[in-house]
Amino acid sequence: MDERLPQYLHRPVQILWFGSDEFILVMSTIFVAVIVGGVIGWTLIGALLLFIPWKRTKPRGFIPHLAWRWGLLRFRHYPGPTQTRFFE
């Protein structure tokens, strides 16, 4: 069985001109906007068009860490986002 490896391992996976996390965000936003429709759908698309350039100014892995900070995601063996002290 052949497996494909990217040419440069330090670069993120790219789908079209989006990174993998941006692509998931774009597809899910467009999906919800089509279902909701109307002004709310266009507002979601507008928010997406403002969010992606802002996100590109942040370092890699910003979205998972943002989800961790909001309590939507847990990292194994890491303290929660509300802990102020951590002793190893």
Protein backbone atom coordinates (compact mmCIF):
# COMPACT_ATOMS: atom_id res chain seq x y z
CA MET A 1 0.00 0.00 0.00
CA ASP A 2 1.40 3.39 -0.99
CA GLU A 3 1.07 6.39 1.26
CA ARG A 4 1.50 9.99 0.20
CA LEU A 5 3.59 12.30 2.32
CA PRO A 6 3.61 16.06 1.85
CA GLN A 7 6.75 17.51 0.34
CA TYR A 8 7.35 19.75 3.34
CA LEU A 9 6.28 18.30 6.69
CA HIS A 10 6.21 21.66 8.48
CA ARG A 11 3.55 23.10 6.16
CA PRO A 12 -0.13 22.55 6.99
CA VAL A 13 -2.45 20.57 4.72
CA GLN A 14 -3.95 22.88 2.10
CA ILE A 15 -7.27 22.38 0.31
CA LEU A 16 -7.76 24.83 -2.55
CA TRP A 17 -6.26 28.01 -1.09
CA PHE A 18 -7.45 27.34 2.47
CA GLY A 19 -5.71 25.55 5.31
CA SER A 20 -7.49 22.48 6.65
CA ASP A 21 -9.05 24.30 9.62
CA GLU A 22 -10.13 27.22 7.39
CA PHE A 23 -11.66 24.81 4.88
CA ILE A 24 -13.79 23.14 7.56
CA LEU A 25 -14.87 26.56 8.81
CA VAL A 26 -15.76 27.76 5.28
CA MET A 27 -17.72 24.63 4.37
CA SER A 28 -19.67 24.53 7.62
CA THR A 29 -20.49 28.26 7.44
CA ILE A 30 -21.67 28.01 3.84
CA PHE A 31 -23.72 24.91 4.70
CA VAL A 32 -25.47 26.67 7.60
CA ALA A 33 -25.94 29.87 5.56
CA VAL A 34 -27.64 27.94 2.75
CA ILE A 35 -29.96 26.20 5.21
CA VAL A 36 -30.81 29.37 7.16
CA GLY A 37 -30.88 31.69 4.15
CA GLY A 38 -31.97 35.30 4.06
CA VAL A 39 -30.26 38.08 5.95
CA ILE A 40 -28.86 35.75 8.61
CA GLY A 41 -27.17 33.61 5.94
CA TRP A 42 -25.59 36.65 4.30
CA THR A 43 -24.48 37.87 7.72
CA LEU A 44 -22.73 34.54 8.33
CA ILE A 45 -20.95 34.80 4.97
CA GLY A 46 -19.93 38.40 5.76
CA ALA A 47 -18.61 37.38 9.18
CA LEU A 48 -16.62 34.59 7.51
CA LEU A 49 -15.11 37.07 5.02
CA LEU A 50 -13.99 39.23 7.95
CA PHE A 51 -12.82 36.32 10.13
CA ILE A 52 -10.48 34.59 7.64
CA PRO A 53 -8.13 37.57 7.04
CA TRP A 54 -8.05 38.20 10.81
CA LYS A 55 -7.32 34.52 11.48
CA ARG A 56 -4.42 34.54 9.02
CA THR A 57 -2.65 37.13 11.19
CA LYS A 58 -2.65 34.63 14.08
CA PRO A 59 -0.21 31.71 14.54
CA ARG A 60 -0.95 28.15 13.45
CA GLY A 61 -3.28 26.24 15.74
CA PHE A 62 -5.16 29.35 16.82
CA ILE A 63 -8.67 27.91 16.30
CA PRO A 64 -8.18 24.76 18.44
CA HIS A 65 -6.65 26.86 21.22
CA LEU A 66 -9.53 29.33 20.96
CA ALA A 67 -11.98 26.42 21.28
CA TRP A 68 -10.00 25.18 24.30
CA ARG A 69 -10.17 28.62 25.90
CA TRP A 70 -13.96 28.71 25.43
CA GLY A 71 -14.29 25.22 26.95
CA LEU A 72 -15.41 23.52 23.72
CA LEU A 73 -12.34 21.30 23.39
CA ARG A 74 -10.13 19.40 25.81
CA PHE A 75 -6.45 18.66 25.31
CA ARG A 76 -5.27 15.42 26.90
CA HIS A 77 -2.96 15.85 29.89
CA TYR A 78 -3.44 19.64 29.94
CA PRO A 79 -5.20 21.67 32.62
CA GLY A 80 -8.53 23.29 31.91
CA PRO A 81 -8.83 26.87 30.66
CA THR A 82 -10.01 28.20 34.02
CA GLN A 83 -7.04 26.93 36.05
CA THR A 84 -4.65 29.65 37.10
CA ARG A 85 -2.00 27.40 38.67
CA PHE A 86 -0.54 24.17 37.37
CA PHE A 87 2.01 21.98 39.16
CA GLU A 88 3.66 19.15 37.22
